[in-house]
C-alpha cells in the first residue's frame, strides 16, 4: 500500500477517489512511563518515556488507517496527516487520516 503526504503518486494516475480513511487511538502513559516522565519534567530535556507513548500511538493509528483503506479495496492513501487532541492530563487521542484512492498506470 502506497501512503504519502502528497496528493499524487509518481508513475500513477488517480483512477478513483474512495473517501477519507482514518485510524484513531486514545493512549495514556503506563504508571512507570508517567513516573519517569514526571521526573524528567523536573530535570528538563527530552522526555523519552512520553516520546515512546506518542510514537506507539502514531504507529498504531497509522496501521489502523492502512487497514481501513485495505478494507475499502484502495491501492494507496494520499494526503496522509496526523492530528492529536488531549482529553485529559493523562489521555490523548491520535488521529491518522488521508484519502483512499484506486491507482492506474498511465495509458491503462
PDB file of N, CA and C in Angstrom:
ATOM      1  N   UNK A   1       0.859  -1.180   0.000  1.00  0.00           N
ATOM      2  CA  UNK A   1       0.000   0.000   0.000  1.00  0.00           C
ATOM      3  C   UNK A   1       0.897   1.233   0.000  1.00  0.00           C
ATOM      4  N   UNK A   2       0.709   2.085  -1.009  1.00  0.00           N
ATOM      5  CA  UNK A   2       1.414   3.362  -1.040  1.00  0.00           C
ATOM      6  C   UNK A   2       0.734   4.326  -0.068  1.00  0.00           C
ATOM      7  N   UNK A   3       1.521   5.032   0.723  1.00  0.00           N
ATOM      8  CA  UNK A   3       0.991   6.072   1.598  1.00  0.00           C
ATOM      9  C   UNK A   3       1.899   7.278   1.451  1.00  0.00           C
ATOM     10  N   UNK A   4       1.291   8.453   1.194  1.00  0.00           N
ATOM     11  CA  UNK A   4       2.079   9.664   1.008  1.00  0.00           C
ATOM     12  C   UNK A   4       1.362  10.870   1.591  1.00  0.00           C
ATOM     13  N   UNK A   5       2.145  11.843   2.007  1.00  0.00           N
ATOM     14  CA  UNK A   5       1.561  13.113   2.446  1.00  0.00           C
ATOM     15  C   UNK A   5       1.229  13.992   1.250  1.00  0.00           C
ATOM     16  N   UNK A   6       1.718  13.620   0.078  1.00  0.00           N
ATOM     17  CA  UNK A   6       1.436  14.370  -1.150  1.00  0.00           C
ATOM     18  C   UNK A   6       0.067  14.009  -1.710  1.00  0.00           C
ATOM     19  N   UNK A   7      -0.260  14.632  -2.839  1.00  0.00           N
ATOM     20  CA  UNK A   7      -1.567  14.408  -3.453  1.00  0.00           C
ATOM     21  C   UNK A   7      -1.498  13.583  -4.729  1.00  0.00           C
ATOM     22  N   UNK A   8      -0.352  12.985  -4.988  1.00  0.00           N
ATOM     23  CA  UNK A   8      -0.204  12.119  -6.151  1.00  0.00           C
ATOM     24  C   UNK A   8       0.882  11.094  -5.860  1.00  0.00           C
ATOM     25  N   UNK A   9       0.928  10.057  -6.685  1.00  0.00           N
ATOM     26  CA  UNK A   9       1.949   9.017  -6.575  1.00  0.00           C
ATOM     27  C   UNK A   9       2.645   8.952  -7.918  1.00  0.00           C
ATOM     28  N   UNK A  10       3.935   9.195  -7.912  1.00  0.00           N
ATOM     29  CA  UNK A  10       4.703   9.243  -9.154  1.00  0.00           C
ATOM     30  C   UNK A  10       4.552   7.941  -9.939  1.00  0.00           C
ATOM     31  N   UNK A  11       4.293   8.084 -11.232  1.00  0.00           N
ATOM     32  CA  UNK A  11       4.153   6.928 -12.106  1.00  0.00           C
ATOM     33  C   UNK A  11       2.738   6.386 -12.195  1.00  0.00           C
ATOM     34  N   UNK A  12       1.806   6.996 -11.480  1.00  0.00           N
ATOM     35  CA  UNK A  12       0.411   6.542 -11.472  1.00  0.00           C
ATOM     36  C   UNK A  12      -0.534   7.728 -11.633  1.00  0.00           C
ATOM     37  N   UNK A  13      -1.741   7.421 -12.076  1.00  0.00           N
ATOM     38  CA  UNK A  13      -2.833   8.382 -12.085  1.00  0.00           C
ATOM     39  C   UNK A  13      -3.840   7.938 -11.040  1.00  0.00           C
ATOM     40  N   UNK A  14      -4.552   8.891 -10.492  1.00  0.00           N
ATOM     41  CA  UNK A  14      -5.643   8.548  -9.577  1.00  0.00           C
ATOM     42  C   UNK A  14      -6.821   8.103 -10.434  1.00  0.00           C
ATOM     43  N   UNK A  15      -7.218   6.858 -10.293  1.00  0.00           N
ATOM     44  CA  UNK A  15      -8.341   6.331 -11.066  1.00  0.00           C
ATOM     45  C   UNK A  15      -9.673   6.570 -10.388  1.00  0.00           C
ATOM     46  N   UNK A  16      -9.656   6.581  -9.035  1.00  0.00           N
ATOM     47  CA  UNK A  16     -10.895   6.773  -8.282  1.00  0.00           C
ATOM     48  C   UNK A  16     -10.552   7.245  -6.878  1.00  0.00           C
ATOM     49  N   UNK A  17     -11.274   8.251  -6.412  1.00  0.00           N
ATOM     50  CA  UNK A  17     -11.187   8.689  -5.019  1.00  0.00           C
ATOM     51  C   UNK A  17     -12.235   7.904  -4.249  1.00  0.00           C
ATOM     52  N   UNK A  18     -11.800   7.202  -3.207  1.00  0.00           N
ATOM     53  CA  UNK A  18     -12.708   6.307  -2.492  1.00  0.00           C
ATOM     54  C   UNK A  18     -13.221   6.889  -1.182  1.00  0.00           C
ATOM     55  N   UNK A  19     -12.602   7.943  -0.723  1.00  0.00           N
ATOM     56  CA  UNK A  19     -13.061   8.582   0.508  1.00  0.00           C
ATOM     57  C   UNK A  19     -11.989   8.655   1.572  1.00  0.00           C
ATOM     58  N   UNK A  20     -12.347   9.305   2.661  1.00  0.00           N
ATOM     59  CA  UNK A  20     -11.427   9.501   3.783  1.00  0.00           C
ATOM     60  C   UNK A  20     -11.297   8.198   4.560  1.00  0.00           C
ATOM     61  N   UNK A  21     -10.061   7.890   4.938  1.00  0.00           N
ATOM     62  CA  UNK A  21      -9.787   6.755   5.822  1.00  0.00           C
ATOM     63  C   UNK A  21      -9.093   7.292   7.057  1.00  0.00           C
ATOM     64  N   UNK A  22      -9.272   6.602   8.177  1.00  0.00           N
ATOM     65  CA  UNK A  22      -8.669   7.089   9.404  1.00  0.00           C
ATOM     66  C   UNK A  22      -8.350   5.959  10.351  1.00  0.00           C
ATOM     67  N   UNK A  23      -7.425   6.246  11.238  1.00  0.00           N
ATOM     68  CA  UNK A  23      -7.097   5.361  12.339  1.00  0.00           C
ATOM     69  C   UNK A  23      -7.059   6.212  13.592  1.00  0.00           C
ATOM     70  N   UNK A  24      -7.757   5.790  14.622  1.00  0.00           N
ATOM     71  CA  UNK A  24      -7.847   6.572  15.859  1.00  0.00           C
ATOM     72  C   UNK A  24      -7.376   5.717  17.025  1.00  0.00           C
ATOM     73  N   UNK A  25      -6.539   6.314  17.873  1.00  0.00           N
ATOM     74  CA  UNK A  25      -6.046   5.647  19.069  1.00  0.00           C
ATOM     75  C   UNK A  25      -6.113   6.649  20.213  1.00  0.00           C
ATOM     76  N   UNK A  26      -6.559   6.208  21.381  1.00  0.00           N
ATOM     77  CA  UNK A  26      -6.508   7.041  22.585  1.00  0.00           C
ATOM     78  C   UNK A  26      -5.546   6.359  23.540  1.00  0.00           C
ATOM     79  N   UNK A  27      -4.523   7.078  23.929  1.00  0.00           N
ATOM     80  CA  UNK A  27      -3.457   6.500  24.756  1.00  0.00           C
ATOM     81  C   UNK A  27      -3.185   7.338  25.990  1.00  0.00           C
ATOM     82  N   UNK A  28      -2.676   6.666  26.998  1.00  0.00           N
ATOM     83  CA  UNK A  28      -2.130   7.334  28.171  1.00  0.00           C
ATOM     84  C   UNK A  28      -0.875   6.561  28.574  1.00  0.00           C
ATOM     85  N   UNK A  29       0.052   7.231  29.231  1.00  0.00           N
ATOM     86  CA  UNK A  29       1.275   6.528  29.628  1.00  0.00           C
ATOM     87  C   UNK A  29       0.991   5.503  30.726  1.00  0.00           C
ATOM     88  N   UNK A  30       1.834   4.461  30.780  1.00  0.00           N
ATOM     89  CA  UNK A  30       1.747   3.497  31.874  1.00  0.00           C
ATOM     90  C   UNK A  30       2.185   4.194  33.161  1.00  0.00           C
ATOM     91  N   UNK A  31       1.975   3.556  34.280  1.00  0.00           N
ATOM     92  CA  UNK A  31       2.387   4.144  35.558  1.00  0.00           C
ATOM     93  C   UNK A  31       3.889   4.435  35.544  1.00  0.00           C
ATOM     94  N   UNK A  32       4.678   3.480  35.062  1.00  0.00           N
ATOM     95  CA  UNK A  32       6.133   3.662  35.007  1.00  0.00           C
ATOM     96  C   UNK A  32       6.509   4.827  34.097  1.00  0.00           C
ATOM     97  N   UNK A  33       5.892   4.873  32.900  1.00  0.00           N
ATOM     98  CA  UNK A  33       6.183   5.967  31.971  1.00  0.00           C
ATOM     99  C   UNK A  33       5.778   7.307  32.574  1.00  0.00           C
ATOM    100  N   UNK A  34       4.657   7.336  33.276  1.00  0.00           N
ATOM    101  CA  UNK A  34       4.208   8.568  33.920  1.00  0.00           C
ATOM    102  C   UNK A  34       5.176   9.038  34.993  1.00  0.00           C
ATOM    103  N   UNK A  35       5.669   8.097  35.799  1.00  0.00           N
ATOM    104  CA  UNK A  35       6.629   8.455  36.844  1.00  0.00           C
ATOM    105  C   UNK A  35       7.945   8.940  36.245  1.00  0.00           C
ATOM    106  N   UNK A  36       8.461   8.192  35.259  1.00  0.00           N
ATOM    107  CA  UNK A  36       9.722   8.598  34.621  1.00  0.00           C
ATOM    108  C   UNK A  36       9.567   9.940  33.910  1.00  0.00           C
ATOM    109  N   UNK A  37       8.440  10.110  33.229  1.00  0.00           N
ATOM    110  CA  UNK A  37       8.189  11.375  32.541  1.00  0.00           C
ATOM    111  C   UNK A  37       8.088  12.527  33.515  1.00  0.00           C
ATOM    112  N   UNK A  38       7.417  12.299  34.645  1.00  0.00           N
ATOM    113  CA  UNK A  38       7.299  13.343  35.664  1.00  0.00           C
ATOM    114  C   UNK A  38       8.649  13.736  36.229  1.00  0.00           C
ATOM    115  N   UNK A  39       9.506  12.757  36.478  1.00  0.00           N
ATOM    116  CA  UNK A  39      10.854  13.054  36.978  1.00  0.00           C
ATOM    117  C   UNK A  39      11.663  13.834  35.942  1.00  0.00           C
ATOM    118  N   UNK A  40      11.541  13.444  34.679  1.00  0.00           N
ATOM    119  CA  UNK A  40      12.272  14.148  33.619  1.00  0.00           C
ATOM    120  C   UNK A  40      11.779  15.576  33.439  1.00  0.00           C
ATOM    121  N   UNK A  41      10.508  15.837  33.728  1.00  0.00           N
ATOM    122  CA  UNK A  41       9.990  17.197  33.618  1.00  0.00           C
ATOM    123  C   UNK A  41      10.678  18.108  34.617  1.00  0.00           C
ATOM    124  N   UNK A  42      10.992  17.575  35.780  1.00  0.00           N
ATOM    125  CA  UNK A  42      11.668  18.362  36.810  1.00  0.00           C
ATOM    126  C   UNK A  42      13.078  18.718  36.351  1.00  0.00           C
ATOM    127  N   UNK A  43      13.783  17.751  35.781  1.00  0.00           N
ATOM    128  CA  UNK A  43      15.164  17.929  35.347  1.00  0.00           C
ATOM    129  C   UNK A  43      15.241  18.718  34.036  1.00  0.00           C
ATOM    130  N   UNK A  44      14.279  18.502  33.160  1.00  0.00           N
ATOM    131  CA  UNK A  44      14.269  19.171  31.850  1.00  0.00           C
ATOM    132  C   UNK A  44      14.820  18.264  30.775  1.00  0.00           C
ATOM    133  N   UNK A  45      14.709  18.705  29.521  1.00  0.00           N
ATOM    134  CA  UNK A  45      15.209  17.938  28.392  1.00  0.00           C
ATOM    135  C   UNK A  45      14.132  17.068  27.775  1.00  0.00           C
ATOM    136  N   UNK A  46      14.547  16.200  26.867  1.00  0.00           N
ATOM    137  CA  UNK A  46      13.628  15.305  26.177  1.00  0.00           C
ATOM    138  C   UNK A  46      13.053  14.292  27.160  1.00  0.00           C
ATOM    139  N   UNK A  47      11.753  14.072  27.090  1.00  0.00           N
ATOM    140  CA  UNK A  47      11.099  13.126  27.988  1.00  0.00           C
ATOM    141  C   UNK A  47      10.863  11.844  27.189  1.00  0.00           C
ATOM    142  N   UNK A  48      11.843  10.972  27.224  1.00  0.00           N
ATOM    143  CA  UNK A  48      11.845   9.765  26.396  1.00  0.00           C
ATOM    144  C   UNK A  48      10.649   8.866  26.673  1.00  0.00           C
ATOM    145  N   UNK A  49      10.209   8.788  27.932  1.00  0.00           N
ATOM    146  CA  UNK A  49       9.061   7.927  28.263  1.00  0.00           C
ATOM    147  C   UNK A  49       7.806   8.410  27.539  1.00  0.00           C
ATOM    148  N   UNK A  50       7.607   9.714  27.459  1.00  0.00           N
ATOM    149  CA  UNK A  50       6.440  10.257  26.766  1.00  0.00           C
ATOM    150  C   UNK A  50       6.610  10.153  25.253  1.00  0.00           C
ATOM    151  N   UNK A  51       7.827  10.321  24.778  1.00  0.00           N
ATOM    152  CA  UNK A  51       8.099  10.167  23.351  1.00  0.00           C
ATOM    153  C   UNK A  51       7.721   8.767  22.896  1.00  0.00           C
ATOM    154  N   UNK A  52       8.039   7.775  23.710  1.00  0.00           N
ATOM    155  CA  UNK A  52       7.716   6.377  23.390  1.00  0.00           C
ATOM    156  C   UNK A  52       6.199   6.170  23.293  1.00  0.00           C
ATOM    157  N   UNK A  53       5.443   6.744  24.224  1.00  0.00           N
ATOM    158  CA  UNK A  53       3.980   6.632  24.191  1.00  0.00           C
ATOM    159  C   UNK A  53       3.438   7.254  22.903  1.00  0.00           C
ATOM    160  N   UNK A  54       3.941   8.440  22.559  1.00  0.00           N
ATOM    161  CA  UNK A  54       3.481   9.138  21.354  1.00  0.00           C
ATOM    162  C   UNK A  54       3.814   8.344  20.096  1.00  0.00           C
ATOM    163  N   UNK A  55       5.008   7.819  20.028  1.00  0.00           N
ATOM    164  CA  UNK A  55       5.426   7.067  18.837  1.00  0.00           C
ATOM    165  C   UNK A  55       4.581   5.810  18.655  1.00  0.00           C
ATOM    166  N   UNK A  56       4.312   5.105  19.737  1.00  0.00           N
ATOM    167  CA  UNK A  56       3.471   3.899  19.644  1.00  0.00           C
ATOM    168  C   UNK A  56       2.045   4.264  19.216  1.00  0.00           C
ATOM    169  N   UNK A  57       1.530   5.369  19.734  1.00  0.00           N
ATOM    170  CA  UNK A  57       0.178   5.798  19.366  1.00  0.00           C
ATOM    171  C   UNK A  57       0.119   6.156  17.887  1.00  0.00           C
ATOM    172  N   UNK A  58       1.116   6.879  17.381  1.00  0.00           N
ATOM    173  CA  UNK A  58       1.149   7.225  15.951  1.00  0.00           C
ATOM    174  C   UNK A  58       1.229   5.976  15.084  1.00  0.00           C
ATOM    175  N   UNK A  59       2.088   5.048  15.484  1.00  0.00           N
ATOM    176  CA  UNK A  59       2.257   3.810  14.719  1.00  0.00           C
ATOM    177  C   UNK A  59       0.954   3.010  14.658  1.00  0.00           C
ATOM    178  N   UNK A  60       0.270   2.898  15.795  1.00  0.00           N
ATOM    179  CA  UNK A  60      -0.980   2.144  15.812  1.00  0.00           C
ATOM    180  C   UNK A  60      -2.073   2.854  15.006  1.00  0.00           C
ATOM    181  N   UNK A  61      -2.156   4.174  15.115  1.00  0.00           N
ATOM    182  CA  UNK A  61      -3.144   4.930  14.340  1.00  0.00           C
ATOM    183  C   UNK A  61      -2.877   4.771  12.842  1.00  0.00           C
ATOM    184  N   UNK A  62      -1.598   4.804  12.441  1.00  0.00           N
ATOM    185  CA  UNK A  62      -1.210   4.625  11.042  1.00  0.00           C
ATOM    186  C   UNK A  62      -1.649   3.243  10.541  1.00  0.00           C
ATOM    187  N   UNK A  63      -1.357   2.204  11.335  1.00  0.00           N
ATOM    188  CA  UNK A  63      -1.720   0.837  10.954  1.00  0.00           C
ATOM    189  C   UNK A  63      -3.238   0.690  10.820  1.00  0.00           C
ATOM    190  N   UNK A  64      -3.984   1.325  11.691  1.00  0.00           N
ATOM    191  CA  UNK A  64      -5.452   1.264  11.617  1.00  0.00           C
ATOM    192  C   UNK A  64      -5.965   1.970  10.369  1.00  0.00           C
ATOM    193  N   UNK A  65      -5.330   3.095  10.008  1.00  0.00           N
ATOM    194  CA  UNK A  65      -5.724   3.814   8.798  1.00  0.00           C
ATOM    195  C   UNK A  65      -5.478   2.951   7.560  1.00  0.00           C
ATOM    196  N   UNK A  66      -4.306   2.324   7.484  1.00  0.00           N
ATOM    197  CA  UNK A  66      -3.977   1.455   6.352  1.00  0.00           C
ATOM    198  C   UNK A  66      -4.971   0.286   6.282  1.00  0.00           C
ATOM    199  N   UNK A  67      -5.291  -0.296   7.420  1.00  0.00           N
ATOM    200  CA  UNK A  67      -6.258  -1.398   7.456  1.00  0.00           C
ATOM    201  C   UNK A  67      -7.617  -0.933   6.925  1.00  0.00           C
ATOM    202  N   UNK A  68      -8.040   0.255   7.332  1.00  0.00           N
ATOM    203  CA  UNK A  68      -9.310   0.812   6.858  1.00  0.00           C
ATOM    204  C   UNK A  68      -9.291   0.937   5.335  1.00  0.00           C
ATOM    205  N   UNK A  69      -8.184   1.434   4.779  1.00  0.00           N
ATOM    206  CA  UNK A  69      -8.063   1.577   3.322  1.00  0.00           C
ATOM    207  C   UNK A  69      -8.073   0.218   2.631  1.00  0.00           C
ATOM    208  N   UNK A  70      -7.407  -0.757   3.216  1.00  0.00           N
ATOM    209  CA  UNK A  70      -7.404  -2.104   2.640  1.00  0.00           C
ATOM    210  C   UNK A  70      -8.808  -2.687   2.616  1.00  0.00           C
ATOM    211  N   UNK A  71      -9.582  -2.463   3.669  1.00  0.00           N
ATOM    212  CA  UNK A  71     -10.955  -2.957   3.725  1.00  0.00           C
ATOM    213  C   UNK A  71     -11.827  -2.335   2.637  1.00  0.00           C
ATOM    214  N   UNK A  72     -11.481  -1.112   2.208  1.00  0.00           N
ATOM    215  CA  UNK A  72     -12.226  -0.436   1.139  1.00  0.00           C
ATOM    216  C   UNK A  72     -11.763  -0.880  -0.245  1.00  0.00           C
ATOM    217  N   UNK A  73     -10.623  -1.595  -0.309  1.00  0.00           N
ATOM    218  CA  UNK A  73     -10.079  -2.024  -1.586  1.00  0.00           C
ATOM    219  C   UNK A  73      -9.183  -0.988  -2.246  1.00  0.00           C
ATOM    220  N   UNK A  74      -8.652  -0.055  -1.472  1.00  0.00           N
ATOM    221  CA  UNK A  74      -7.793   1.010  -2.003  1.00  0.00           C
ATOM    222  C   UNK A  74      -6.408   0.478  -2.357  1.00  0.00           C
ATOM    223  N   UNK A  75      -5.758   1.167  -3.295  1.00  0.00           N
ATOM    224  CA  UNK A  75      -4.369   0.867  -3.659  1.00  0.00           C
ATOM    225  C   UNK A  75      -3.385   1.768  -2.926  1.00  0.00           C
ATOM    226  N   UNK A  76      -3.869   2.948  -2.502  1.00  0.00           N
ATOM    227  CA  UNK A  76      -2.978   3.935  -1.907  1.00  0.00           C
ATOM    228  C   UNK A  76      -3.767   4.900  -1.034  1.00  0.00           C
ATOM    229  N   UNK A  77      -3.015   5.643  -0.218  1.00  0.00           N
ATOM    230  CA  UNK A  77      -3.581   6.723   0.592  1.00  0.00           C
ATOM    231  C   UNK A  77      -2.770   7.967   0.286  1.00  0.00           C
ATOM    232  N   UNK A  78      -3.452   9.024  -0.106  1.00  0.00           N
ATOM    233  CA  UNK A  78      -2.778  10.299  -0.371  1.00  0.00           C
ATOM    234  C   UNK A  78      -3.205  11.319   0.680  1.00  0.00           C
ATOM    235  N   UNK A  79      -2.404  12.375   0.821  1.00  0.00           N
ATOM    236  CA  UNK A  79      -2.731  13.448   1.750  1.00  0.00           C
ATOM    237  C   UNK A  79      -2.756  13.001   3.200  1.00  0.00           C
ATOM    238  N   UNK A  80      -1.912  12.031   3.563  1.00  0.00           N
ATOM    239  CA  UNK A  80      -1.892  11.490   4.922  1.00  0.00           C
ATOM    240  C   UNK A  80      -1.432  12.560   5.909  1.00  0.00           C
ATOM    241  N   UNK A  81      -2.117  12.637   7.046  1.00  0.00           N
ATOM    242  CA  UNK A  81      -1.782  13.587   8.111  1.00  0.00           C
ATOM    243  C   UNK A  81      -2.005  12.936   9.470  1.00  0.00           C
ATOM    244  N   UNK A  82      -1.378  13.538  10.497  1.00  0.00           N
ATOM    245  CA  UNK A  82      -1.621  13.176  11.893  1.00  0.00           C
ATOM    246  C   UNK A  82      -2.253  14.373  12.595  1.00  0.00           C
ATOM    247  N   UNK A  83      -3.054  14.081  13.603  1.00  0.00           N
ATOM    248  CA  UNK A  83      -3.608  15.115  14.462  1.00  0.00           C
ATOM    249  C   UNK A  83      -3.689  14.517  15.859  1.00  0.00           C
ATOM    250  N   UNK A  84      -3.661  15.346  16.872  1.00  0.00           N
ATOM    251  CA  UNK A  84      -3.762  14.861  18.244  1.00  0.00           C
ATOM    252  C   UNK A  84      -4.607  15.823  19.062  1.00  0.00           C
ATOM    253  N   UNK A  85      -5.375  15.249  19.991  1.00  0.00           N
ATOM    254  CA  UNK A  85      -6.206  16.030  20.894  1.00  0.00           C
ATOM    255  C   UNK A  85      -6.024  15.479  22.291  1.00  0.00           C
ATOM    256  N   UNK A  86      -5.755  16.351  23.233  1.00  0.00           N
ATOM    257  CA  UNK A  86      -5.589  15.921  24.614  1.00  0.00           C
ATOM    258  C   UNK A  86      -6.952  15.914  25.292  1.00  0.00           C
ATOM    259  N   UNK A  87      -7.368  14.739  25.808  1.00  0.00           N
ATOM    260  CA  UNK A  87      -8.655  14.619  26.503  1.00  0.00           C
ATOM    261  C   UNK A  87      -8.539  14.996  27.969  1.00  0.00           C
ATOM    262  N   UNK A  88      -7.417  14.640  28.559  1.00  0.00           N
ATOM    263  CA  UNK A  88      -7.157  14.951  29.962  1.00  0.00           C
ATOM    264  C   UNK A  88      -5.646  15.023  30.126  1.00  0.00           C
ATOM    265  N   UNK A  89      -5.205  15.228  31.351  1.00  0.00           N
ATOM    266  CA  UNK A  89      -3.756  15.280  31.575  1.00  0.00           C
ATOM    267  C   UNK A  89      -3.067  13.967  31.238  1.00  0.00           C
ATOM    268  N   UNK A  90      -3.836  12.877  31.219  1.00  0.00           N
ATOM    269  CA  UNK A  90      -3.220  11.573  31.003  1.00  0.00           C
ATOM    270  C   UNK A  90      -3.704  10.841  29.759  1.00  0.00           C
ATOM    271  N   UNK A  91      -4.609  11.420  28.965  1.00  0.00           N
ATOM    272  CA  UNK A  91      -5.129  10.711  27.787  1.00  0.00           C
ATOM    273  C   UNK A  91      -5.129  11.619  26.567  1.00  0.00           C
ATOM    274  N   UNK A  92      -4.577  11.094  25.477  1.00  0.00           N
ATOM    275  CA  UNK A  92      -4.501  11.837  24.232  1.00  0.00           C
ATOM    276  C   UNK A  92      -5.002  10.971  23.085  1.00  0.00           C
ATOM    277  N   UNK A  93      -5.804  11.582  22.223  1.00  0.00           N
ATOM    278  CA  UNK A  93      -6.261  10.913  21.008  1.00  0.00           C
ATOM    279  C   UNK A  93      -5.263  11.232  19.898  1.00  0.00           C
ATOM    280  N   UNK A  94      -4.865  10.205  19.156  1.00  0.00           N
ATOM    281  CA  UNK A  94      -4.028  10.399  17.978  1.00  0.00           C
ATOM    282  C   UNK A  94      -4.836   9.922  16.780  1.00  0.00           C
ATOM    283  N   UNK A  95      -4.953  10.783  15.788  1.00  0.00           N
ATOM    284  CA  UNK A  95      -5.715  10.500  14.579  1.00  0.00           C
ATOM    285  C   UNK A  95      -4.763  10.526  13.396  1.00  0.00           C
ATOM    286  N   UNK A  96      -4.822   9.507  12.566  1.00  0.00           N
ATOM    287  CA  UNK A  96      -4.066   9.449  11.319  1.00  0.00           C
ATOM    288  C   UNK A  96      -5.113   9.328  10.219  1.00  0.00           C
ATOM    289  N   UNK A  97      -5.052  10.215   9.225  1.00  0.00           N
ATOM    290  CA  UNK A  97      -6.092  10.200   8.201  1.00  0.00           C
ATOM    291  C   UNK A  97      -5.534  10.579   6.841  1.00  0.00           C
ATOM    292  N   UNK A  98      -6.275  10.228   5.810  1.00  0.00           N
ATOM    293  CA  UNK A  98      -5.902  10.542   4.441  1.00  0.00           C
ATOM    294  C   UNK A  98      -7.036  10.162   3.510  1.00  0.00           C
ATOM    295  N   UNK A  99      -6.769  10.229   2.211  1.00  0.00           N
ATOM    296  CA  UNK A  99      -7.761   9.891   1.201  1.00  0.00           C
ATOM    297  C   UNK A  99      -7.370   8.584   0.524  1.00  0.00           C
ATOM    298  N   UNK A 100      -8.272   7.608   0.573  1.00  0.00           N
ATOM    299  CA  UNK A 100      -8.042   6.324  -0.083  1.00  0.00           C
ATOM    300  C   UNK A 100      -8.334   6.475  -1.569  1.00  0.00           C
ATOM    301  N   UNK A 101      -7.458   5.912  -2.393  1.00  0.00           N
ATOM    302  CA  UNK A 101      -7.623   6.023  -3.844  1.00  0.00           C
ATOM    303  C   UNK A 101      -7.322   4.691  -4.525  1.00  0.00           C
ATOM    304  N   UNK A 102      -7.870   4.542  -5.727  1.00  0.00           N
ATOM    305  CA  UNK A 102      -7.507   3.460  -6.645  1.00  0.00           C
ATOM    306  C   UNK A 102      -6.543   4.081  -7.645  1.00  0.00           C
ATOM    307  N   UNK A 103      -5.484   3.370  -7.973  1.00  0.00           N
ATOM    308  CA  UNK A 103      -4.477   3.852  -8.909  1.00  0.00           C
ATOM    309  C   UNK A 103      -4.614   3.163 -10.259  1.00  0.00           C
ATOM    310  N   UNK A 104      -4.113   3.848 -11.281  1.00  0.00           N
ATOM    311  CA  UNK A 104      -3.980   3.206 -12.591  1.00  0.00           C
ATOM    312  C   UNK A 104      -2.711   3.729 -13.241  1.00  0.00           C
ATOM    313  N   UNK A 105      -2.079   2.866 -13.998  1.00  0.00           N
ATOM    314  CA  UNK A 105      -0.876   3.228 -14.744  1.00  0.00           C
ATOM    315  C   UNK A 105      -1.267   4.135 -15.905  1.00  0.00           C
ATOM    316  N   UNK A 106      -0.410   5.093 -16.252  1.00  0.00           N
ATOM    317  CA  UNK A 106      -0.705   5.931 -17.435  1.00  0.00           C
ATOM    318  C   UNK A 106      -0.897   5.042 -18.668  1.00  0.00           C
ATOM    319  N   UNK A 107      -1.915   5.347 -19.442  1.00  0.00           N
ATOM    320  CA  UNK A 107      -2.199   4.582 -20.657  1.00  0.00           C
ATOM    321  C   UNK A 107      -3.037   3.343 -20.406  1.00  0.00           C
ATOM    322  N   UNK A 108      -3.325   3.045 -19.155  1.00  0.00           N
ATOM    323  CA  UNK A 108      -4.122   1.840 -18.851  1.00  0.00           C
ATOM    324  C   UNK A 108      -5.606   2.160 -18.834  1.00  0.00           C
TER     325      UNK A 108
END
